[in-house]
Amino acid sequence: MKAKKGFNLREVCGEQIIVAEGKENIDFSNIISMNESSAYLWKNIQNKEFSPEDLQKLLTDEYEVDDETALKDAKTISQQWIKAGIAEE
């Protein structure tokens, strides 16, 4: 998987959101809000290929979470990003 170009994390009014930038994303009309952990993951996968296992490792390195829960959450967030159109397989 890879994050699509032109989608950048910004802080707006104290909230972390994904902002579409560039001509290729001109029709993007959704605002994607991210919590602390998803924003942390997004920052760490920019311009890199990643898998749910990579996200799992990032989560277990940063947070007190077991491997099984981290992998479940990593799979969920990666599918949400694909569905939202900000990441691709």
PDB file of N, CA and C in Angstrom:
ATOM      1  N   MET A   1       0.833  -1.174   0.000  1.00  0.00           N
ATOM      2  CA  MET A   1       0.000   0.000   0.000  1.00  0.00           C
ATOM      3  C   MET A   1       0.879   1.239   0.000  1.00  0.00           C
ATOM      4  N   LYS A   2       0.261   2.326  -0.380  1.00  0.00           N
ATOM      5  CA  LYS A   2       0.975   3.591  -0.378  1.00  0.00           C
ATOM      6  C   LYS A   2      -0.037   4.720  -0.224  1.00  0.00           C
ATOM      7  N   ALA A   3       0.340   5.754   0.523  1.00  0.00           N
ATOM      8  CA  ALA A   3      -0.502   6.945   0.629  1.00  0.00           C
ATOM      9  C   ALA A   3      -0.502   7.647  -0.723  1.00  0.00           C
ATOM     10  N   LYS A   4      -1.658   8.108  -1.153  1.00  0.00           N
ATOM     11  CA  LYS A   4      -1.738   8.833  -2.419  1.00  0.00           C
ATOM     12  C   LYS A   4      -1.090  10.199  -2.266  1.00  0.00           C
ATOM     13  N   LYS A   5      -0.432  10.642  -3.321  1.00  0.00           N
ATOM     14  CA  LYS A   5       0.191  11.965  -3.319  1.00  0.00           C
ATOM     15  C   LYS A   5      -0.889  13.035  -3.252  1.00  0.00           C
ATOM     16  N   GLY A   6      -0.553  14.131  -2.605  1.00  0.00           N
ATOM     17  CA  GLY A   6      -1.461  15.260  -2.548  1.00  0.00           C
ATOM     18  C   GLY A   6      -2.387  15.280  -1.347  1.00  0.00           C
ATOM     19  N   PHE A   7      -2.276  14.289  -0.476  1.00  0.00           N
ATOM     20  CA  PHE A   7      -3.081  14.278   0.736  1.00  0.00           C
ATOM     21  C   PHE A   7      -2.143  14.469   1.916  1.00  0.00           C
ATOM     22  N   ASN A   8      -2.260  15.610   2.563  1.00  0.00           N
ATOM     23  CA  ASN A   8      -1.323  15.969   3.618  1.00  0.00           C
ATOM     24  C   ASN A   8      -2.038  16.208   4.936  1.00  0.00           C
ATOM     25  N   LEU A   9      -1.356  15.844   6.009  1.00  0.00           N
ATOM     26  CA  LEU A   9      -1.886  16.033   7.348  1.00  0.00           C
ATOM     27  C   LEU A   9      -1.625  17.469   7.785  1.00  0.00           C
ATOM     28  N   ARG A  10      -2.666  18.136   8.253  1.00  0.00           N
ATOM     29  CA  ARG A  10      -2.564  19.506   8.744  1.00  0.00           C
ATOM     30  C   ARG A  10      -3.327  19.621  10.061  1.00  0.00           C
ATOM     31  N   GLU A  11      -2.881  20.528  10.905  1.00  0.00           N
ATOM     32  CA  GLU A  11      -3.627  20.824  12.118  1.00  0.00           C
ATOM     33  C   GLU A  11      -4.498  22.037  11.842  1.00  0.00           C
ATOM     34  N   VAL A  12      -5.798  21.889  12.037  1.00  0.00           N
ATOM     35  CA  VAL A  12      -6.749  22.966  11.817  1.00  0.00           C
ATOM     36  C   VAL A  12      -7.614  23.083  13.077  1.00  0.00           C
ATOM     37  N   CYS A  13      -7.541  24.216  13.710  1.00  0.00           N
ATOM     38  CA  CYS A  13      -8.324  24.447  14.944  1.00  0.00           C
ATOM     39  C   CYS A  13      -8.082  23.355  15.974  1.00  0.00           C
ATOM     40  N   GLY A  14      -6.847  22.917  16.105  1.00  0.00           N
ATOM     41  CA  GLY A  14      -6.486  21.911  17.090  1.00  0.00           C
ATOM     42  C   GLY A  14      -6.831  20.477  16.702  1.00  0.00           C
ATOM     43  N   GLU A  15      -7.322  20.278  15.487  1.00  0.00           N
ATOM     44  CA  GLU A  15      -7.686  18.934  15.031  1.00  0.00           C
ATOM     45  C   GLU A  15      -6.796  18.532  13.866  1.00  0.00           C
ATOM     46  N   GLN A  16      -6.388  17.265  13.840  1.00  0.00           N
ATOM     47  CA  GLN A  16      -5.570  16.737  12.753  1.00  0.00           C
ATOM     48  C   GLN A  16      -6.494  16.298  11.621  1.00  0.00           C
ATOM     49  N   ILE A  17      -6.309  16.880  10.426  1.00  0.00           N
ATOM     50  CA  ILE A  17      -7.140  16.499   9.285  1.00  0.00           C
ATOM     51  C   ILE A  17      -6.267  16.266   8.058  1.00  0.00           C
ATOM     52  N   ILE A  18      -6.779  15.459   7.145  1.00  0.00           N
ATOM     53  CA  ILE A  18      -6.123  15.243   5.863  1.00  0.00           C
ATOM     54  C   ILE A  18      -6.688  16.281   4.896  1.00  0.00           C
ATOM     55  N   VAL A  19      -5.792  16.996   4.255  1.00  0.00           N
ATOM     56  CA  VAL A  19      -6.169  18.040   3.305  1.00  0.00           C
ATOM     57  C   VAL A  19      -5.702  17.619   1.920  1.00  0.00           C
ATOM     58  N   ALA A  20      -6.600  17.728   0.952  1.00  0.00           N
ATOM     59  CA  ALA A  20      -6.250  17.414  -0.436  1.00  0.00           C
ATOM     60  C   ALA A  20      -5.589  18.637  -1.050  1.00  0.00           C
ATOM     61  N   GLU A  21      -4.448  18.416  -1.685  1.00  0.00           N
ATOM     62  CA  GLU A  21      -3.715  19.503  -2.325  1.00  0.00           C
ATOM     63  C   GLU A  21      -3.305  19.068  -3.722  1.00  0.00           C
ATOM     64  N   GLY A  22      -3.259  19.991  -4.645  1.00  0.00           N
ATOM     65  CA  GLY A  22      -2.818  19.692  -6.001  1.00  0.00           C
ATOM     66  C   GLY A  22      -3.976  19.482  -6.955  1.00  0.00           C
ATOM     67  N   LYS A  23      -3.692  19.626  -8.249  1.00  0.00           N
ATOM     68  CA  LYS A  23      -4.713  19.518  -9.290  1.00  0.00           C
ATOM     69  C   LYS A  23      -5.384  18.149  -9.328  1.00  0.00           C
ATOM     70  N   GLU A  24      -4.633  17.082  -9.088  1.00  0.00           N
ATOM     71  CA  GLU A  24      -5.202  15.742  -9.191  1.00  0.00           C
ATOM     72  C   GLU A  24      -6.264  15.477  -8.122  1.00  0.00           C
ATOM     73  N   ASN A  25      -6.297  16.295  -7.091  1.00  0.00           N
ATOM     74  CA  ASN A  25      -7.255  16.089  -6.010  1.00  0.00           C
ATOM     75  C   ASN A  25      -8.275  17.225  -5.913  1.00  0.00           C
ATOM     76  N   ILE A  26      -8.443  17.976  -6.970  1.00  0.00           N
ATOM     77  CA  ILE A  26      -9.283  19.163  -6.957  1.00  0.00           C
ATOM     78  C   ILE A  26     -10.742  18.875  -6.595  1.00  0.00           C
ATOM     79  N   ASP A  27     -11.249  17.690  -6.939  1.00  0.00           N
ATOM     80  CA  ASP A  27     -12.637  17.357  -6.652  1.00  0.00           C
ATOM     81  C   ASP A  27     -12.842  16.724  -5.278  1.00  0.00           C
ATOM     82  N   PHE A  28     -11.812  16.606  -4.512  1.00  0.00           N
ATOM     83  CA  PHE A  28     -11.924  15.983  -3.199  1.00  0.00           C
ATOM     84  C   PHE A  28     -12.733  16.890  -2.274  1.00  0.00           C
ATOM     85  N   SER A  29     -13.853  16.389  -1.780  1.00  0.00           N
ATOM     86  CA  SER A  29     -14.731  17.235  -0.975  1.00  0.00           C
ATOM     87  C   SER A  29     -14.904  16.746   0.461  1.00  0.00           C
ATOM     88  N   ASN A  30     -14.320  15.624   0.819  1.00  0.00           N
ATOM     89  CA  ASN A  30     -14.436  15.118   2.184  1.00  0.00           C
ATOM     90  C   ASN A  30     -13.318  15.663   3.051  1.00  0.00           C
ATOM     91  N   ILE A  31     -13.623  15.835   4.318  1.00  0.00           N
ATOM     92  CA  ILE A  31     -12.606  16.171   5.305  1.00  0.00           C
ATOM     93  C   ILE A  31     -12.385  14.915   6.122  1.00  0.00           C
ATOM     94  N   ILE A  32     -11.160  14.506   6.239  1.00  0.00           N
ATOM     95  CA  ILE A  32     -10.840  13.295   6.983  1.00  0.00           C
ATOM     96  C   ILE A  32     -10.121  13.710   8.253  1.00  0.00           C
ATOM     97  N   SER A  33     -10.792  13.495   9.356  1.00  0.00           N
ATOM     98  CA  SER A  33     -10.239  13.834  10.661  1.00  0.00           C
ATOM     99  C   SER A  33      -9.489  12.624  11.206  1.00  0.00           C
ATOM    100  N   MET A  34      -8.354  12.868  11.825  1.00  0.00           N
ATOM    101  CA  MET A  34      -7.560  11.773  12.367  1.00  0.00           C
ATOM    102  C   MET A  34      -7.328  11.983  13.849  1.00  0.00           C
ATOM    103  N   ASN A  35      -7.407  10.870  14.588  1.00  0.00           N
ATOM    104  CA  ASN A  35      -7.054  10.948  15.999  1.00  0.00           C
ATOM    105  C   ASN A  35      -5.530  10.905  16.122  1.00  0.00           C
ATOM    106  N   GLU A  36      -5.046  10.958  17.338  1.00  0.00           N
ATOM    107  CA  GLU A  36      -3.595  11.022  17.571  1.00  0.00           C
ATOM    108  C   GLU A  36      -2.843   9.846  16.958  1.00  0.00           C
ATOM    109  N   SER A  37      -3.354   8.637  17.154  1.00  0.00           N
ATOM    110  CA  SER A  37      -2.629   7.461  16.666  1.00  0.00           C
ATOM    111  C   SER A  37      -2.684   7.345  15.143  1.00  0.00           C
ATOM    112  N   SER A  38      -3.812   7.664  14.519  1.00  0.00           N
ATOM    113  CA  SER A  38      -3.871   7.591  13.059  1.00  0.00           C
ATOM    114  C   SER A  38      -3.023   8.690  12.423  1.00  0.00           C
ATOM    115  N   ALA A  39      -2.969   9.867  13.045  1.00  0.00           N
ATOM    116  CA  ALA A  39      -2.097  10.938  12.546  1.00  0.00           C
ATOM    117  C   ALA A  39      -0.630  10.518  12.657  1.00  0.00           C
ATOM    118  N   TYR A  40      -0.276   9.863  13.757  1.00  0.00           N
ATOM    119  CA  TYR A  40       1.085   9.348  13.937  1.00  0.00           C
ATOM    120  C   TYR A  40       1.435   8.356  12.827  1.00  0.00           C
ATOM    121  N   LEU A  41       0.511   7.444  12.538  1.00  0.00           N
ATOM    122  CA  LEU A  41       0.754   6.471  11.470  1.00  0.00           C
ATOM    123  C   LEU A  41       0.913   7.172  10.127  1.00  0.00           C
ATOM    124  N   TRP A  42       0.020   8.104   9.823  1.00  0.00           N
ATOM    125  CA  TRP A  42       0.048   8.809   8.532  1.00  0.00           C
ATOM    126  C   TRP A  42       1.389   9.522   8.334  1.00  0.00           C
ATOM    127  N   LYS A  43       1.869  10.190   9.377  1.00  0.00           N
ATOM    128  CA  LYS A  43       3.155  10.899   9.284  1.00  0.00           C
ATOM    129  C   LYS A  43       4.290   9.936   8.966  1.00  0.00           C
ATOM    130  N   ASN A  44       4.205   8.719   9.493  1.00  0.00           N
ATOM    131  CA  ASN A  44       5.300   7.763   9.355  1.00  0.00           C
ATOM    132  C   ASN A  44       5.256   6.918   8.094  1.00  0.00           C
ATOM    133  N   ILE A  45       4.196   7.008   7.314  1.00  0.00           N
ATOM    134  CA  ILE A  45       4.135   6.204   6.087  1.00  0.00           C
ATOM    135  C   ILE A  45       4.205   7.062   4.822  1.00  0.00           C
ATOM    136  N   GLN A  46       4.346   8.341   4.975  1.00  0.00           N
ATOM    137  CA  GLN A  46       4.408   9.224   3.817  1.00  0.00           C
ATOM    138  C   GLN A  46       5.569   8.845   2.903  1.00  0.00           C
ATOM    139  N   ASN A  47       5.275   8.758   1.603  1.00  0.00           N
ATOM    140  CA  ASN A  47       6.270   8.454   0.566  1.00  0.00           C
ATOM    141  C   ASN A  47       6.938   7.091   0.743  1.00  0.00           C
ATOM    142  N   LYS A  48       6.227   6.148   1.359  1.00  0.00           N
ATOM    143  CA  LYS A  48       6.753   4.799   1.564  1.00  0.00           C
ATOM    144  C   LYS A  48       5.670   3.789   1.224  1.00  0.00           C
ATOM    145  N   GLU A  49       6.089   2.641   0.761  1.00  0.00           N
ATOM    146  CA  GLU A  49       5.192   1.499   0.669  1.00  0.00           C
ATOM    147  C   GLU A  49       5.012   0.990   2.100  1.00  0.00           C
ATOM    148  N   PHE A  50       3.809   0.548   2.424  1.00  0.00           N
ATOM    149  CA  PHE A  50       3.581   0.029   3.769  1.00  0.00           C
ATOM    150  C   PHE A  50       2.553  -1.090   3.732  1.00  0.00           C
ATOM    151  N   SER A  51       2.567  -1.893   4.770  1.00  0.00           N
ATOM    152  CA  SER A  51       1.616  -2.988   4.932  1.00  0.00           C
ATOM    153  C   SER A  51       0.964  -2.834   6.305  1.00  0.00           C
ATOM    154  N   PRO A  52      -0.109  -3.567   6.555  1.00  0.00           N
ATOM    155  CA  PRO A  52      -0.678  -3.539   7.902  1.00  0.00           C
ATOM    156  C   PRO A  52       0.348  -3.937   8.974  1.00  0.00           C
ATOM    157  N   GLU A  53       1.247  -4.845   8.616  1.00  0.00           N
ATOM    158  CA  GLU A  53       2.285  -5.246   9.575  1.00  0.00           C
ATOM    159  C   GLU A  53       3.244  -4.096   9.893  1.00  0.00           C
ATOM    160  N   ASP A  54       3.513  -3.238   8.909  1.00  0.00           N
ATOM    161  CA  ASP A  54       4.336  -2.055   9.172  1.00  0.00           C
ATOM    162  C   ASP A  54       3.625  -1.113  10.139  1.00  0.00           C
ATOM    163  N   LEU A  55       2.319  -0.937   9.921  1.00  0.00           N
ATOM    164  CA  LEU A  55       1.534  -0.090  10.816  1.00  0.00           C
ATOM    165  C   LEU A  55       1.483  -0.697  12.215  1.00  0.00           C
ATOM    166  N   GLN A  56       1.361  -2.015  12.277  1.00  0.00           N
ATOM    167  CA  GLN A  56       1.363  -2.717  13.561  1.00  0.00           C
ATOM    168  C   GLN A  56       2.648  -2.419  14.330  1.00  0.00           C
ATOM    169  N   LYS A  57       3.773  -2.509  13.652  1.00  0.00           N
ATOM    170  CA  LYS A  57       5.071  -2.248  14.300  1.00  0.00           C
ATOM    171  C   LYS A  57       5.144  -0.814  14.814  1.00  0.00           C
ATOM    172  N   LEU A  58       4.679   0.131  14.002  1.00  0.00           N
ATOM    173  CA  LEU A  58       4.662   1.529  14.446  1.00  0.00           C
ATOM    174  C   LEU A  58       3.809   1.682  15.708  1.00  0.00           C
ATOM    175  N   LEU A  59       2.660   1.026  15.727  1.00  0.00           N
ATOM    176  CA  LEU A  59       1.771   1.129  16.890  1.00  0.00           C
ATOM    177  C   LEU A  59       2.401   0.518  18.142  1.00  0.00           C
ATOM    178  N   THR A  60       2.992  -0.670  18.004  1.00  0.00           N
ATOM    179  CA  THR A  60       3.583  -1.310  19.183  1.00  0.00           C
ATOM    180  C   THR A  60       4.837  -0.588  19.660  1.00  0.00           C
ATOM    181  N   ASP A  61       5.538   0.077  18.748  1.00  0.00           N
ATOM    182  CA  ASP A  61       6.717   0.857  19.144  1.00  0.00           C
ATOM    183  C   ASP A  61       6.328   2.119  19.911  1.00  0.00           C
ATOM    184  N   GLU A  62       5.198   2.707  19.560  1.00  0.00           N
ATOM    185  CA  GLU A  62       4.803   4.004  20.127  1.00  0.00           C
ATOM    186  C   GLU A  62       3.824   3.894  21.297  1.00  0.00           C
ATOM    187  N   TYR A  63       2.986   2.882  21.279  1.00  0.00           N
ATOM    188  CA  TYR A  63       1.913   2.764  22.274  1.00  0.00           C
ATOM    189  C   TYR A  63       1.995   1.435  23.012  1.00  0.00           C
ATOM    190  N   GLU A  64       1.416   1.402  24.186  1.00  0.00           N
ATOM    191  CA  GLU A  64       1.356   0.161  24.970  1.00  0.00           C
ATOM    192  C   GLU A  64       0.159  -0.637  24.479  1.00  0.00           C
ATOM    193  N   VAL A  65       0.385  -1.413  23.439  1.00  0.00           N
ATOM    194  CA  VAL A  65      -0.666  -2.217  22.831  1.00  0.00           C
ATOM    195  C   VAL A  65      -0.063  -3.558  22.425  1.00  0.00           C
ATOM    196  N   ASP A  66      -0.843  -4.624  22.573  1.00  0.00           N
ATOM    197  CA  ASP A  66      -0.329  -5.942  22.204  1.00  0.00           C
ATOM    198  C   ASP A  66      -0.346  -6.113  20.687  1.00  0.00           C
ATOM    199  N   ASP A  67       0.431  -7.072  20.212  1.00  0.00           N
ATOM    200  CA  ASP A  67       0.578  -7.306  18.769  1.00  0.00           C
ATOM    201  C   ASP A  67      -0.754  -7.597  18.077  1.00  0.00           C
ATOM    202  N   GLU A  68      -1.590  -8.415  18.698  1.00  0.00           N
ATOM    203  CA  GLU A  68      -2.854  -8.809  18.085  1.00  0.00           C
ATOM    204  C   GLU A  68      -3.791  -7.612  17.902  1.00  0.00           C
ATOM    205  N   THR A  69      -3.911  -6.802  18.933  1.00  0.00           N
ATOM    206  CA  THR A  69      -4.767  -5.612  18.853  1.00  0.00           C
ATOM    207  C   THR A  69      -4.197  -4.616  17.852  1.00  0.00           C
ATOM    208  N   ALA A  70      -2.883  -4.438  17.872  1.00  0.00           N
ATOM    209  CA  ALA A  70      -2.242  -3.502  16.947  1.00  0.00           C
ATOM    210  C   ALA A  70      -2.456  -3.927  15.493  1.00  0.00           C
ATOM    211  N   LEU A  71      -2.333  -5.218  15.212  1.00  0.00           N
ATOM    212  CA  LEU A  71      -2.532  -5.687  13.839  1.00  0.00           C
ATOM    213  C   LEU A  71      -3.991  -5.517  13.406  1.00  0.00           C
ATOM    214  N   LYS A  72      -4.914  -5.817  14.290  1.00  0.00           N
ATOM    215  CA  LYS A  72      -6.336  -5.634  13.985  1.00  0.00           C
ATOM    216  C   LYS A  72      -6.621  -4.162  13.666  1.00  0.00           C
ATOM    217  N   ASP A  73      -6.099  -3.263  14.506  1.00  0.00           N
ATOM    218  CA  ASP A  73      -6.300  -1.826  14.282  1.00  0.00           C
ATOM    219  C   ASP A  73      -5.608  -1.363  13.004  1.00  0.00           C
ATOM    220  N   ALA A  74      -4.431  -1.894  12.726  1.00  0.00           N
ATOM    221  CA  ALA A  74      -3.682  -1.523  11.520  1.00  0.00           C
ATOM    222  C   ALA A  74      -4.428  -1.939  10.261  1.00  0.00           C
ATOM    223  N   LYS A  75      -5.006  -3.130  10.282  1.00  0.00           N
ATOM    224  CA  LYS A  75      -5.788  -3.585   9.122  1.00  0.00           C
ATOM    225  C   LYS A  75      -7.024  -2.715   8.931  1.00  0.00           C
ATOM    226  N   THR A  76      -7.663  -2.360  10.024  1.00  0.00           N
ATOM    227  CA  THR A  76      -8.859  -1.517   9.951  1.00  0.00           C
ATOM    228  C   THR A  76      -8.527  -0.140   9.386  1.00  0.00           C
ATOM    229  N   ILE A  77      -7.488   0.501   9.904  1.00  0.00           N
ATOM    230  CA  ILE A  77      -7.165   1.859   9.440  1.00  0.00           C
ATOM    231  C   ILE A  77      -6.696   1.848   7.992  1.00  0.00           C
ATOM    232  N   SER A  78      -5.938   0.847   7.597  1.00  0.00           N
ATOM    233  CA  SER A  78      -5.480   0.814   6.207  1.00  0.00           C
ATOM    234  C   SER A  78      -6.656   0.644   5.251  1.00  0.00           C
ATOM    235  N   GLN A  79      -7.636  -0.164   5.617  1.00  0.00           N
ATOM    236  CA  GLN A  79      -8.834  -0.322   4.774  1.00  0.00           C
ATOM    237  C   GLN A  79      -9.670   0.961   4.756  1.00  0.00           C
ATOM    238  N   GLN A  80      -9.734   1.654   5.882  1.00  0.00           N
ATOM    239  CA  GLN A  80     -10.452   2.928   5.928  1.00  0.00           C
ATOM    240  C   GLN A  80      -9.775   3.957   5.027  1.00  0.00           C
ATOM    241  N   TRP A  81      -8.457   3.969   5.012  1.00  0.00           N
ATOM    242  CA  TRP A  81      -7.727   4.914   4.155  1.00  0.00           C
ATOM    243  C   TRP A  81      -7.971   4.605   2.683  1.00  0.00           C
ATOM    244  N   ILE A  82      -7.997   3.324   2.331  1.00  0.00           N
ATOM    245  CA  ILE A  82      -8.256   2.931   0.947  1.00  0.00           C
ATOM    246  C   ILE A  82      -9.688   3.344   0.558  1.00  0.00           C
ATOM    247  N   LYS A  83     -10.635   3.039   1.431  1.00  0.00           N
ATOM    248  CA  LYS A  83     -12.035   3.388   1.163  1.00  0.00           C
ATOM    249  C   LYS A  83     -12.213   4.908   1.023  1.00  0.00           C
ATOM    250  N   ALA A  84     -11.473   5.673   1.817  1.00  0.00           N
ATOM    251  CA  ALA A  84     -11.560   7.136   1.757  1.00  0.00           C
ATOM    252  C   ALA A  84     -10.842   7.708   0.540  1.00  0.00           C
ATOM    253  N   GLY A  85     -10.033   6.872  -0.122  1.00  0.00           N
ATOM    254  CA  GLY A  85      -9.325   7.333  -1.322  1.00  0.00           C
ATOM    255  C   GLY A  85      -8.024   8.055  -1.056  1.00  0.00           C
ATOM    256  N   ILE A  86      -7.480   7.905   0.153  1.00  0.00           N
ATOM    257  CA  ILE A  86      -6.218   8.580   0.456  1.00  0.00           C
ATOM    258  C   ILE A  86      -5.018   7.631   0.419  1.00  0.00           C
ATOM    259  N   ALA A  87      -5.300   6.341   0.278  1.00  0.00           N
ATOM    260  CA  ALA A  87      -4.243   5.330   0.121  1.00  0.00           C
ATOM    261  C   ALA A  87      -4.681   4.360  -0.958  1.00  0.00           C
ATOM    262  N   GLU A  88      -3.702   3.686  -1.534  1.00  0.00           N
ATOM    263  CA  GLU A  88      -3.993   2.718  -2.580  1.00  0.00           C
ATOM    264  C   GLU A  88      -3.171   1.461  -2.382  1.00  0.00           C
ATOM    265  N   GLU A  89      -3.715   0.340  -2.873  1.00  0.00           N
ATOM    266  CA  GLU A  89      -3.019  -0.942  -2.728  1.00  0.00           C
ATOM    267  C   GLU A  89      -1.982  -1.108  -3.799  1.00  0.00           C
TER     268      GLU A  89
END
